[in-house]
């Protein structure tokens, strides 16, 4: 394997990859997962390659100075990812007792997925999320990594604990069901417990380890700041935090920027917000509504206008209009 290809995967798995590099990897696996019913023929693989090649070209044009990889290298990586995607997908779908390598599950924007793990645990993945399952999961270990949002119903095993790594954090089950929200582009990681207990700590924190509660219990939520490395614990209704599993879209004191990001994940669209967003906050929920209905409600609450062209949405905010 080309050393630069190995470097890309090592950066991705360690969490050191750039946003562009993460998207390159995750978009490929999302393409495989979203088209799992198709036969991955040479023609189909070529079609996926052409789509990614266009994205690579666009990325190079947008970030010529920051990009650390040449166009030729990115094309080689894309070809490799086609083969790797097939290996990872087939490995997971067959669910062997001891996988040969990491299993990567990516959920594209606009899609949610439920998984049954080999140890009997259940995972719900929200849109735009990625789960990496360690080799030997359910036999020699129960370690996974999460980028995005997932709800976990864990089959407890005291001798073989269930652990989730998300960036710096290590989340350990103590017999429970809980929600983890840890998108790479967001500065906060949130862990909310629905039942049982969860332990959270920082990996290799050393002497300057942040202070975490001994455990998080039912209807408590830990909020960890990636920037300050501080954690706070508060009360919450976890059933509301994880309402996304039932296609309930909830905004809790959310800014327009946060709303735009969520809409992009939820509906698989592009959202551009124009106008001042300071001090604008929403608390509102929707029950399995199409994006058109959500925009209408947001428009009535805020006075904003919007345009929808295919899968692109432009929101125009009116100044000096506060919301609660």
Protein backbone atom coordinates (compact mmCIF):
# COMPACT_ATOMS: atom_id res chain seq x y z
CA UNK A 1 0.00 0.00 0.00
CA UNK A 2 1.30 3.50 -0.85
CA UNK A 3 2.71 5.09 2.33
CA UNK A 4 0.63 8.22 1.74
CA UNK A 5 -2.56 6.16 1.59
CA UNK A 6 -1.64 4.57 4.91
CA UNK A 7 -0.95 8.03 6.30
CA UNK A 8 -4.44 9.22 5.33
CA UNK A 9 -6.10 6.32 7.13
CA UNK A 10 -3.88 6.73 10.18
CA UNK A 11 -4.80 10.43 10.38
CA UNK A 12 -8.48 9.60 9.96
CA UNK A 13 -8.47 6.90 12.64
CA UNK A 14 -6.50 9.08 15.10
CA UNK A 15 -8.80 12.07 14.55
CA UNK A 16 -6.01 14.24 13.07
CA UNK A 17 -7.34 14.38 9.49
CA UNK A 18 -8.43 17.71 8.08
CA UNK A 19 -12.10 18.33 7.31
CA UNK A 20 -11.41 17.82 3.59
CA UNK A 21 -9.61 14.53 4.25
CA UNK A 22 -12.37 13.28 6.56
CA UNK A 23 -15.00 14.09 3.97
CA UNK A 24 -13.00 12.29 1.28
CA UNK A 25 -12.94 9.10 3.35
CA UNK A 26 -16.46 9.30 4.75
CA UNK A 27 -18.16 10.23 1.48
CA UNK A 28 -16.72 7.13 -0.14
CA UNK A 29 -18.03 4.81 2.55
CA UNK A 30 -21.35 6.64 2.61
CA UNK A 31 -21.65 5.96 -1.13
CA UNK A 32 -21.14 2.25 -0.57
CA UNK A 33 -23.58 2.12 2.32
CA UNK A 34 -26.33 4.08 0.58
CA UNK A 35 -26.12 1.86 -2.50
CA UNK A 36 -25.61 -1.46 -0.75
CA UNK A 37 -28.28 -3.18 -2.84
CA UNK A 38 -26.37 -2.54 -6.05
CA UNK A 39 -23.83 -4.83 -7.62
CA UNK A 40 -20.39 -3.22 -7.30
CA UNK A 41 -19.34 -3.91 -10.88
CA UNK A 42 -16.43 -2.22 -12.61
CA UNK A 43 -18.87 0.16 -14.25
CA UNK A 44 -20.45 1.11 -10.92
CA UNK A 45 -17.04 1.58 -9.28
CA UNK A 46 -16.00 3.80 -12.19
CA UNK A 47 -19.14 5.89 -11.72
CA UNK A 48 -18.32 6.41 -8.03
CA UNK A 49 -14.77 7.32 -8.96
CA UNK A 50 -15.92 9.98 -11.44
CA UNK A 51 -18.15 11.55 -8.79
CA UNK A 52 -15.32 11.68 -6.27
CA UNK A 53 -12.88 12.93 -8.89
CA UNK A 54 -15.09 15.98 -9.42
CA UNK A 55 -15.16 16.61 -5.66
CA UNK A 56 -11.39 16.30 -5.51
CA UNK A 57 -10.98 18.84 -8.28
CA UNK A 58 -13.35 21.24 -6.58
CA UNK A 59 -11.53 20.85 -3.27
CA UNK A 60 -8.14 21.56 -4.86
CA UNK A 61 -9.47 24.69 -6.55
CA UNK A 62 -11.01 25.96 -3.30
CA UNK A 63 -8.03 25.22 -1.04
CA UNK A 64 -4.86 25.08 -3.19
CA UNK A 65 -2.51 26.27 -0.46
CA UNK A 66 -3.93 24.31 2.47
CA UNK A 67 -4.31 20.98 0.72
CA UNK A 68 -1.51 18.64 1.74
CA UNK A 69 -2.10 16.08 -1.01
CA UNK A 70 -1.52 16.30 -4.73
CA UNK A 71 -4.29 15.67 -7.23
CA UNK A 72 -2.55 12.48 -8.37
CA UNK A 73 -2.29 11.22 -4.78
CA UNK A 74 -5.96 11.97 -4.11
CA UNK A 75 -6.96 9.99 -7.20
CA UNK A 76 -4.85 7.06 -6.02
CA UNK A 77 -6.48 7.32 -2.59
CA UNK A 78 -9.92 7.36 -4.18
CA UNK A 79 -9.18 4.19 -6.14
CA UNK A 80 -7.91 2.52 -2.98
CA UNK A 81 -11.00 3.58 -1.03
CA UNK A 82 -13.25 1.81 -3.55
CA UNK A 83 -11.56 -1.48 -2.74
CA UNK A 84 -11.36 -0.74 0.97
CA UNK A 85 -15.02 0.18 1.06
CA UNK A 86 -15.98 -3.15 -0.41
CA UNK A 87 -13.83 -4.98 2.12
CA UNK A 88 -15.24 -3.07 5.09
CA UNK A 89 -18.83 -3.37 3.90
CA UNK A 90 -18.61 -7.10 3.23
CA UNK A 91 -16.83 -7.69 6.54
CA UNK A 92 -19.59 -6.01 8.51
CA UNK A 93 -22.52 -7.47 6.57
CA UNK A 94 -21.23 -11.01 7.12
CA UNK A 95 -20.65 -10.28 10.84
CA UNK A 96 -17.78 -12.73 11.42
CA UNK A 97 -16.84 -13.54 14.98
CA UNK A 98 -13.36 -12.05 14.61
CA UNK A 99 -13.19 -9.40 11.85
CA UNK A 100 -9.94 -9.17 9.90
CA UNK A 101 -9.77 -5.38 10.30
CA UNK A 102 -11.65 -2.29 11.35
CA UNK A 103 -15.24 -2.04 10.18
CA UNK A 104 -16.31 1.44 9.15
CA UNK A 105 -20.01 2.32 8.99
CA UNK A 106 -20.91 5.72 7.53
CA UNK A 107 -24.40 7.20 7.41
CA UNK A 108 -24.85 9.88 4.73
CA UNK A 109 -26.71 13.12 5.34
CA UNK A 110 -30.48 12.72 5.15
CA UNK A 111 -30.31 9.10 6.39
CA UNK A 112 -30.49 7.36 9.78
CA UNK A 113 -29.46 3.79 10.47
CA UNK A 114 -29.99 1.10 13.10
CA UNK A 115 -27.29 -1.52 13.67
CA UNK A 116 -27.15 -4.72 15.69
CA UNK A 117 -23.62 -5.36 16.94
CA UNK A 118 -22.13 -8.87 17.36
CA UNK A 119 -22.28 -8.58 21.18
CA UNK A 120 -26.07 -8.06 21.15
CA UNK A 121 -25.93 -4.27 21.61
CA UNK A 122 -27.95 -1.93 19.39
CA UNK A 123 -26.78 1.34 17.85
CA UNK A 124 -28.85 4.05 16.18
CA UNK A 125 -26.77 6.41 14.02
CA UNK A 126 -27.95 9.90 13.14
CA UNK A 127 -27.36 11.57 9.77
CA UNK A 128 -23.76 12.37 8.86
CA UNK A 129 -22.29 9.98 11.45
CA UNK A 130 -19.47 7.45 11.25
CA UNK A 131 -18.86 4.42 13.48
CA UNK A 132 -15.55 2.54 13.50
CA UNK A 133 -15.63 -0.95 15.04
CA UNK A 134 -12.41 -2.51 16.32
CA UNK A 135 -11.14 -5.91 15.13
CA UNK A 136 -12.32 -8.70 17.42
CA UNK A 137 -15.32 -6.73 18.67
CA UNK A 138 -17.53 -8.89 20.89
CA UNK A 139 -14.75 -11.46 21.40
CA UNK A 140 -11.50 -9.84 22.56
CA UNK A 141 -12.86 -6.33 23.10
CA UNK A 142 -15.90 -4.07 22.71
CA UNK A 143 -14.27 -0.88 21.47
CA UNK A 144 -15.75 1.47 18.90
CA UNK A 145 -15.13 5.05 17.75
CA UNK A 146 -17.86 7.56 16.92
CA UNK A 147 -17.92 10.77 14.92
CA UNK A 148 -21.41 12.28 14.79
CA UNK A 149 -24.37 11.22 16.90
CA UNK A 150 -25.47 7.81 18.10
CA UNK A 151 -27.83 6.24 20.62
CA UNK A 152 -26.52 3.06 22.26
CA UNK A 153 -28.47 0.29 23.96
CA UNK A 154 -25.65 -1.75 25.45
CA UNK A 155 -25.71 -5.36 26.53
CA UNK A 156 -23.72 -5.16 29.76
CA UNK A 157 -20.67 -7.37 30.28
CA UNK A 158 -18.62 -6.50 33.35
CA UNK A 159 -15.58 -8.50 32.21
CA UNK A 160 -15.58 -6.97 28.73
CA UNK A 161 -16.69 -3.30 29.01
CA UNK A 162 -18.25 -1.43 26.11
CA UNK A 163 -16.21 1.68 25.32
CA UNK A 164 -16.67 4.48 22.81
CA UNK A 165 -13.87 6.81 21.77
CA UNK A 166 -14.88 10.21 20.43
CA UNK A 167 -11.96 12.56 19.96
CA UNK A 168 -10.22 12.85 23.32
CA UNK A 169 -13.07 11.25 25.26
CA UNK A 170 -13.45 7.63 26.32
CA UNK A 171 -17.05 6.73 27.24
CA UNK A 172 -17.56 3.49 29.17
CA UNK A 173 -20.87 1.70 29.72
CA UNK A 174 -21.90 0.58 33.18
CA UNK A 175 -25.04 -1.20 31.93
CA UNK A 176 -27.09 1.43 30.18
CA UNK A 177 -28.68 3.17 27.22
CA UNK A 178 -27.35 6.60 26.30
CA UNK A 179 -26.93 9.22 23.59
CA UNK A 180 -23.60 10.61 22.36
CA UNK A 181 -23.41 13.70 20.15
CA UNK A 182 -19.88 14.38 18.89
CA UNK A 183 -19.75 15.87 15.40
CA UNK A 184 -16.22 16.76 14.29
CA UNK A 185 -17.17 20.32 13.29
CA UNK A 186 -18.89 21.11 16.61
CA UNK A 187 -16.99 22.34 19.67
CA UNK A 188 -19.10 20.45 22.23
CA UNK A 189 -19.48 16.74 22.95
CA UNK A 190 -22.69 15.77 24.75
CA UNK A 191 -23.38 12.49 26.57
CA UNK A 192 -26.93 11.98 27.90
CA UNK A 193 -28.00 8.85 29.83
CA UNK A 194 -31.46 7.36 29.47
CA UNK A 195 -30.93 4.38 31.81
CA UNK A 196 -28.10 2.92 33.87
CA UNK A 197 -24.74 4.67 34.23
CA UNK A 198 -21.91 5.94 32.03
CA UNK A 199 -18.33 6.87 32.89
CA UNK A 200 -16.47 9.53 30.88
CA UNK A 201 -12.79 10.42 30.94
CA UNK A 202 -10.13 11.94 28.71
CA UNK A 203 -7.70 9.62 26.97
CA UNK A 204 -4.07 10.05 28.09
CA UNK A 205 -5.02 13.22 29.95
CA UNK A 206 -1.89 13.28 32.14
CA UNK A 207 -1.48 15.70 35.02
CA UNK A 208 -3.80 18.33 33.53
CA UNK A 209 -6.79 16.00 33.30
CA UNK A 210 -10.14 17.78 33.45
CA UNK A 211 -12.48 16.91 36.30
CA UNK A 212 -15.30 14.54 35.34
CA UNK A 213 -18.13 13.23 37.53
CA UNK A 214 -17.64 9.70 38.85
CA UNK A 215 -20.58 8.59 36.70
CA UNK A 216 -23.50 9.97 34.71
CA UNK A 217 -26.91 8.56 35.56
CA UNK A 218 -30.45 8.63 34.15
CA UNK A 219 -31.59 12.01 32.80
CA UNK A 220 -28.19 13.60 33.28
CA UNK A 221 -26.13 15.10 30.48
CA UNK A 222 -22.41 15.80 30.41
CA UNK A 223 -21.30 18.64 28.11
CA UNK A 224 -17.59 18.69 27.27
CA UNK A 225 -15.85 21.59 25.52
CA UNK A 226 -13.12 20.51 23.09
CA UNK A 227 -11.58 23.99 23.27
CA UNK A 228 -11.42 24.54 27.04
CA UNK A 229 -11.33 20.82 27.95
CA UNK A 230 -13.92 21.49 30.65
CA UNK A 231 -16.97 19.40 31.43
CA UNK A 232 -20.23 20.32 33.12
CA UNK A 233 -23.07 18.06 34.26
CA UNK A 234 -26.71 19.09 34.14
CA UNK A 235 -30.17 17.55 34.27
CA UNK A 236 -32.02 16.80 31.05
CA UNK A 237 -34.81 14.71 29.59
CA UNK A 238 -32.79 12.18 27.60
CA UNK A 239 -35.88 10.91 25.81
CA UNK A 240 -36.09 14.38 24.25
CA UNK A 241 -32.36 14.51 23.47
CA UNK A 242 -32.63 11.22 21.57
CA UNK A 243 -35.99 12.01 19.93
CA UNK A 244 -34.18 12.06 16.56
CA UNK A 245 -34.43 8.24 16.59
CA UNK A 246 -38.18 8.63 16.04
CA UNK A 247 -37.70 11.30 13.35
CA UNK A 248 -38.50 14.11 15.78
CA UNK A 249 -36.43 17.16 14.92
CA UNK A 250 -35.82 19.32 17.99
CA UNK A 251 -34.08 22.66 18.45
CA UNK A 252 -33.36 23.70 22.03
CA UNK A 253 -32.25 27.34 22.30
CA UNK A 254 -30.48 26.92 18.96
CA UNK A 255 -28.91 29.67 16.87
CA UNK A 256 -29.61 29.97 13.15
CA UNK A 257 -26.12 28.68 12.45
CA UNK A 258 -26.84 25.55 14.50
CA UNK A 259 -30.22 25.16 12.82
CA UNK A 260 -28.68 25.42 9.36
CA UNK A 261 -26.10 22.73 10.17
CA UNK A 262 -28.79 20.41 11.55
CA UNK A 263 -31.06 20.93 8.53
CA UNK A 264 -28.17 20.03 6.22
CA UNK A 265 -27.60 16.75 8.05
CA UNK A 266 -31.26 15.94 8.57
CA UNK A 267 -32.48 16.50 5.01
CA UNK A 268 -29.28 16.12 2.99
CA UNK A 269 -29.46 19.71 1.69
CA UNK A 270 -27.18 22.75 1.52
CA UNK A 271 -28.25 25.74 3.64
CA UNK A 272 -26.85 29.27 3.31
CA UNK A 273 -27.84 31.87 5.92
CA UNK A 274 -27.66 35.56 5.06
CA UNK A 275 -28.07 38.35 7.62
CA UNK A 276 -27.10 38.85 11.25
CA UNK A 277 -27.55 35.80 13.49
CA UNK A 278 -26.52 37.26 16.87
CA UNK A 279 -28.94 36.64 19.76
CA UNK A 280 -31.36 34.69 17.58
CA UNK A 281 -32.43 31.48 19.37
CA UNK A 282 -35.14 28.89 18.75
CA UNK A 283 -36.81 26.28 20.91
CA UNK A 284 -39.13 24.35 18.63
CA UNK A 285 -39.76 20.74 17.56
CA UNK A 286 -41.09 18.97 14.48
CA UNK A 287 -42.51 15.47 14.16
CA UNK A 288 -41.34 13.86 10.91
CA UNK A 289 -42.05 17.01 8.89
CA UNK A 290 -40.75 17.74 5.38
CA UNK A 291 -38.20 20.53 5.13
CA UNK A 292 -40.77 22.82 3.49
CA UNK A 293 -42.97 22.72 6.61
CA UNK A 294 -39.98 23.34 8.88
CA UNK A 295 -39.00 26.41 6.84
CA UNK A 296 -42.56 27.76 6.96
CA UNK A 297 -42.66 27.54 10.75
CA UNK A 298 -39.21 29.10 11.11
CA UNK A 299 -40.31 31.85 8.76
CA UNK A 300 -43.37 32.66 10.87
CA UNK A 301 -41.34 32.70 14.08
CA UNK A 302 -38.48 34.83 12.81
CA UNK A 303 -39.81 36.80 9.86
CA UNK A 304 -37.07 35.35 7.67
CA UNK A 305 -37.60 34.57 3.99
CA UNK A 306 -36.17 31.65 2.08
CA UNK A 307 -35.72 30.19 -1.38
CA UNK A 308 -35.43 26.50 -2.25
CA UNK A 309 -33.71 25.45 -5.47
CA UNK A 310 -33.37 21.69 -5.79
CA UNK A 311 -31.42 20.74 -2.64
CA UNK A 312 -30.07 24.20 -1.94
CA UNK A 313 -31.80 26.50 0.57
CA UNK A 314 -31.07 30.19 1.05
CA UNK A 315 -32.32 31.81 4.26
CA UNK A 316 -32.51 35.58 4.52
CA UNK A 317 -32.81 36.87 8.07
CA UNK A 318 -34.53 40.09 9.00
CA UNK A 319 -32.57 42.37 11.37
CA UNK A 320 -33.66 43.27 14.90
CA UNK A 321 -36.09 40.39 15.34
CA UNK A 322 -35.59 38.39 18.53
CA UNK A 323 -36.91 34.90 19.08
CA UNK A 324 -37.60 32.66 22.05
